[in-house]
Amino acid sequence: MNTRLLLAAIVAMVAMFLGGWLIWGIILKSESEGMSMGMIALGHVFIGALIAWLANSMGTTTLMKGLLNGFIIGLLWGLAMIFIDGKEADDAMKVITGGIANGAWCAIGMGAAALVLGMKKSEA
């Protein structure tokens, strides 16, 4: 793993952690009772690494491409998890909201990672 990819993973992790707080904590006001902040942060280490690796593998080095690719990945992933879990699959509004929220969340992370991956050596 090169330095730029590691930096992109860290930036994606922080962006997705803050983005998740904004999306689910502030906008959607999701229930977070009983959730461990340490486990949430640890999960973001892994998702940040995955998003940065995907952005690097796909050659995503601009903000717009990162936002678009991230949104598509997050939307499809979010919808898959909603239907696999099955608890909210019968509520159309929760399916739509969940898909869009996951899309926005991954767009934030991949957009941030793409900015880092697209920096010239003198900027990094």
Foldseek 3Di string as FASTA:
>chain_A
DDPLLLVLLVQLLVQLVVLCCCLCVPVVVHDCPPPDPVVVSVVSSVVSSVLSVVCVVVVQQALVSLLVVQLVVQLVVQLVVCVVVVPCVVPVVCSVSRSRSRSRSRSRSSSSSNPSVNDDPVVD
